[in-house]
Amino acid sequence: MIFCIPEVYEDSTVGGGSGMMRKTKDNTLDVQQKNEIVLYPNPANDKTEVKISLSQQETVSISVNDMSGRKIMDIPAQLLNKGMQKVEINTKALPAGMYQVQIKIGNTVITQKLSILK
């Protein structure tokens, strides 16, 4: 089996960060983290925070979808400064279950699962 590795591409990484992967001269991958994302608490009850560590000022938008992909909640895009930022999601009206939190940072989209307990 032959795998082709593009010279440069963006991808989601384990832990919810996004990074740039570059093929090095010795054909290994060099991953450079740009942003780190944490949902806390998860599982949540009445609210959860999206904690985002940004490497530069970015436009960030967040949506909450059910597991079939239907949008349940939308947090409008906002310009966030470099460094650790927090965006609170009020989950009080959501019934117990699993959801997908979709975070768009610039042109990168990262999806994380969120569990709501009541």
C-alpha atoms as a PDB file:
ATOM      1  CA  MET A   1       0.000   0.000   0.000  1.00  0.00           C
ATOM      2  CA  ILE A   2       1.359   3.429  -0.940  1.00  0.00           C
ATOM      3  CA  PHE A   3       0.426   6.598   0.932  1.00  0.00           C
ATOM      4  CA  CYS A   4       0.926  10.013  -0.619  1.00  0.00           C
ATOM      5  CA  ILE A   5       1.558  12.864   1.794  1.00  0.00           C
ATOM      6  CA  PRO A   6       0.794  16.348   0.485  1.00  0.00           C
ATOM      7  CA  GLU A   7       3.537  18.903   0.951  1.00  0.00           C
ATOM      8  CA  VAL A   8       1.391  21.142   3.205  1.00  0.00           C
ATOM      9  CA  TYR A   9      -2.140  20.653   4.482  1.00  0.00           C
ATOM     10  CA  GLU A  10      -4.310  21.572   7.456  1.00  0.00           C
ATOM     11  CA  ASP A  11      -5.853  18.896   9.613  1.00  0.00           C
ATOM     12  CA  SER A  12      -7.507  18.418  12.992  1.00  0.00           C
ATOM     13  CA  THR A  13      -5.274  16.775  15.559  1.00  0.00           C
ATOM     14  CA  VAL A  14      -5.969  14.662  18.631  1.00  0.00           C
ATOM     15  CA  GLY A  15      -7.093  16.859  21.513  1.00  0.00           C
ATOM     16  CA  GLY A  16      -8.980  19.295  19.339  1.00  0.00           C
ATOM     17  CA  GLY A  17      -6.135  21.517  18.277  1.00  0.00           C
ATOM     18  CA  SER A  18      -5.452  22.379  14.715  1.00  0.00           C
ATOM     19  CA  GLY A  19      -2.050  22.387  13.200  1.00  0.00           C
ATOM     20  CA  MET A  20      -0.073  22.623  10.050  1.00  0.00           C
ATOM     21  CA  MET A  21       1.666  19.439   8.921  1.00  0.00           C
ATOM     22  CA  ARG A  22       4.746  19.700   6.762  1.00  0.00           C
ATOM     23  CA  LYS A  23       6.659  16.918   5.052  1.00  0.00           C
ATOM     24  CA  THR A  24      10.312  17.250   6.070  1.00  0.00           C
ATOM     25  CA  LYS A  25      13.430  16.390   4.044  1.00  0.00           C
ATOM     26  CA  ASP A  26      13.664  12.967   5.718  1.00  0.00           C
ATOM     27  CA  ASN A  27      10.001  12.183   4.798  1.00  0.00           C
ATOM     28  CA  THR A  28       8.676  12.529   8.349  1.00  0.00           C
ATOM     29  CA  LEU A  29       5.812  14.780   9.411  1.00  0.00           C
ATOM     30  CA  ASP A  30       6.431  17.905  11.462  1.00  0.00           C
ATOM     31  CA  VAL A  31       3.281  19.080  13.276  1.00  0.00           C
ATOM     32  CA  GLN A  32       3.141  22.682  14.463  1.00  0.00           C
ATOM     33  CA  GLN A  33       0.271  23.391  16.843  1.00  0.00           C
ATOM     34  CA  LYS A  34      -1.598  26.621  16.196  1.00  0.00           C
ATOM     35  CA  ASN A  35      -4.657  26.478  18.451  1.00  0.00           C
ATOM     36  CA  GLU A  36      -5.788  24.356  21.395  1.00  0.00           C
ATOM     37  CA  ILE A  37      -9.434  23.880  22.378  1.00  0.00           C
ATOM     38  CA  VAL A  38     -10.981  22.481  25.578  1.00  0.00           C
ATOM     39  CA  LEU A  39     -14.677  22.071  26.491  1.00  0.00           C
ATOM     40  CA  TYR A  40     -15.119  22.325  30.254  1.00  0.00           C
ATOM     41  CA  PRO A  41     -17.018  20.926  32.015  1.00  0.00           C
ATOM     42  CA  ASN A  42     -17.763  17.962  29.792  1.00  0.00           C
ATOM     43  CA  PRO A  43     -20.167  16.373  30.612  1.00  0.00           C
ATOM     44  CA  ALA A  44     -22.027  19.594  31.296  1.00  0.00           C
ATOM     45  CA  ASN A  45     -25.340  20.501  32.893  1.00  0.00           C
ATOM     46  CA  ASP A  46     -26.332  24.193  32.659  1.00  0.00           C
ATOM     47  CA  LYS A  47     -23.276  25.601  30.874  1.00  0.00           C
ATOM     48  CA  THR A  48     -19.908  24.743  29.400  1.00  0.00           C
ATOM     49  CA  GLU A  49     -16.969  26.893  28.387  1.00  0.00           C
ATOM     50  CA  VAL A  50     -15.042  26.647  25.165  1.00  0.00           C
ATOM     51  CA  LYS A  51     -11.472  27.501  26.140  1.00  0.00           C
ATOM     52  CA  ILE A  52      -9.417  28.451  23.107  1.00  0.00           C
ATOM     53  CA  SER A  53      -5.707  29.157  23.077  1.00  0.00           C
ATOM     54  CA  LEU A  54      -5.089  31.249  19.962  1.00  0.00           C
ATOM     55  CA  SER A  55      -1.689  31.797  18.400  1.00  0.00           C
ATOM     56  CA  GLN A  56      -2.954  35.040  16.824  1.00  0.00           C
ATOM     57  CA  GLN A  57      -6.079  37.203  16.716  1.00  0.00           C
ATOM     58  CA  GLU A  58      -8.807  35.178  14.934  1.00  0.00           C
ATOM     59  CA  THR A  59     -12.487  35.301  14.047  1.00  0.00           C
ATOM     60  CA  VAL A  60     -14.194  32.459  15.941  1.00  0.00           C
ATOM     61  CA  SER A  61     -17.731  31.135  15.554  1.00  0.00           C
ATOM     62  CA  ILE A  62     -19.317  28.256  17.459  1.00  0.00           C
ATOM     63  CA  SER A  63     -22.350  26.105  16.772  1.00  0.00           C
ATOM     64  CA  VAL A  64     -23.911  23.225  18.698  1.00  0.00           C
ATOM     65  CA  ASN A  65     -25.377  20.411  16.580  1.00  0.00           C
ATOM     66  CA  ASP A  66     -27.241  17.259  17.496  1.00  0.00           C
ATOM     67  CA  MET A  67     -25.566  13.988  16.524  1.00  0.00           C
ATOM     68  CA  SER A  68     -27.384  13.925  13.169  1.00  0.00           C
ATOM     69  CA  GLY A  69     -25.754  17.282  12.307  1.00  0.00           C
ATOM     70  CA  ARG A  70     -28.842  19.494  12.767  1.00  0.00           C
ATOM     71  CA  LYS A  71     -27.859  22.910  14.133  1.00  0.00           C
ATOM     72  CA  ILE A  72     -29.363  23.456  17.606  1.00  0.00           C
ATOM     73  CA  MET A  73     -27.573  26.635  18.698  1.00  0.00           C
ATOM     74  CA  ASP A  74     -25.409  29.242  17.019  1.00  0.00           C
ATOM     75  CA  ILE A  75     -23.003  31.651  18.695  1.00  0.00           C
ATOM     76  CA  PRO A  76     -22.247  34.522  16.287  1.00  0.00           C
ATOM     77  CA  ALA A  77     -18.724  35.036  15.010  1.00  0.00           C
ATOM     78  CA  GLN A  78     -16.529  37.212  17.178  1.00  0.00           C
ATOM     79  CA  LEU A  79     -12.990  38.500  16.884  1.00  0.00           C
ATOM     80  CA  LEU A  80     -10.877  37.032  19.710  1.00  0.00           C
ATOM     81  CA  ASN A  81      -7.400  38.187  20.710  1.00  0.00           C
ATOM     82  CA  LYS A  82      -4.255  36.053  20.828  1.00  0.00           C
ATOM     83  CA  GLY A  83      -3.861  33.931  23.962  1.00  0.00           C
ATOM     84  CA  MET A  84      -6.323  32.002  26.148  1.00  0.00           C
ATOM     85  CA  GLN A  85      -9.940  32.992  25.453  1.00  0.00           C
ATOM     86  CA  LYS A  86     -13.217  31.655  26.884  1.00  0.00           C
ATOM     87  CA  VAL A  87     -16.649  31.508  25.276  1.00  0.00           C
ATOM     88  CA  GLU A  88     -19.530  30.334  27.478  1.00  0.00           C
ATOM     89  CA  ILE A  89     -22.300  28.152  26.038  1.00  0.00           C
ATOM     90  CA  ASN A  90     -25.584  28.120  27.962  1.00  0.00           C
ATOM     91  CA  THR A  91     -26.772  24.495  27.779  1.00  0.00           C
ATOM     92  CA  LYS A  92     -29.630  24.796  30.287  1.00  0.00           C
ATOM     93  CA  ALA A  93     -32.338  24.490  27.592  1.00  0.00           C
ATOM     94  CA  LEU A  94     -30.735  21.457  25.921  1.00  0.00           C
ATOM     95  CA  PRO A  95     -32.091  18.014  26.788  1.00  0.00           C
ATOM     96  CA  ALA A  96     -29.695  15.352  28.060  1.00  0.00           C
ATOM     97  CA  GLY A  97     -27.722  13.681  25.300  1.00  0.00           C
ATOM     98  CA  MET A  98     -24.697  13.900  23.027  1.00  0.00           C
ATOM     99  CA  TYR A  99     -23.958  16.933  20.870  1.00  0.00           C
ATOM    100  CA  GLN A 100     -21.266  18.134  18.505  1.00  0.00           C
ATOM    101  CA  VAL A 101     -19.686  21.512  19.176  1.00  0.00           C
ATOM    102  CA  GLN A 102     -18.299  22.941  15.964  1.00  0.00           C
ATOM    103  CA  ILE A 103     -15.683  25.660  16.398  1.00  0.00           C
ATOM    104  CA  LYS A 104     -14.612  27.632  13.345  1.00  0.00           C
ATOM    105  CA  ILE A 105     -11.329  29.506  13.763  1.00  0.00           C
ATOM    106  CA  GLY A 106     -10.517  31.448  10.626  1.00  0.00           C
ATOM    107  CA  ASN A 107     -10.753  28.821   7.871  1.00  0.00           C
ATOM    108  CA  THR A 108     -10.271  25.832  10.201  1.00  0.00           C
ATOM    109  CA  VAL A 109     -13.250  23.890  11.586  1.00  0.00           C
ATOM    110  CA  ILE A 110     -12.809  21.698  14.675  1.00  0.00           C
ATOM    111  CA  THR A 111     -15.582  19.471  16.039  1.00  0.00           C
ATOM    112  CA  GLN A 112     -15.713  18.093  19.568  1.00  0.00           C
ATOM    113  CA  LYS A 113     -18.337  15.979  21.305  1.00  0.00           C
ATOM    114  CA  LEU A 114     -20.246  17.394  24.274  1.00  0.00           C
ATOM    115  CA  SER A 115     -22.318  15.346  26.695  1.00  0.00           C
ATOM    116  CA  ILE A 116     -25.239  17.026  28.503  1.00  0.00           C
ATOM    117  CA  LEU A 117     -26.466  15.463  31.767  1.00  0.00           C
ATOM    118  CA  LYS A 118     -29.635  16.517  33.580  1.00  0.00           C
END
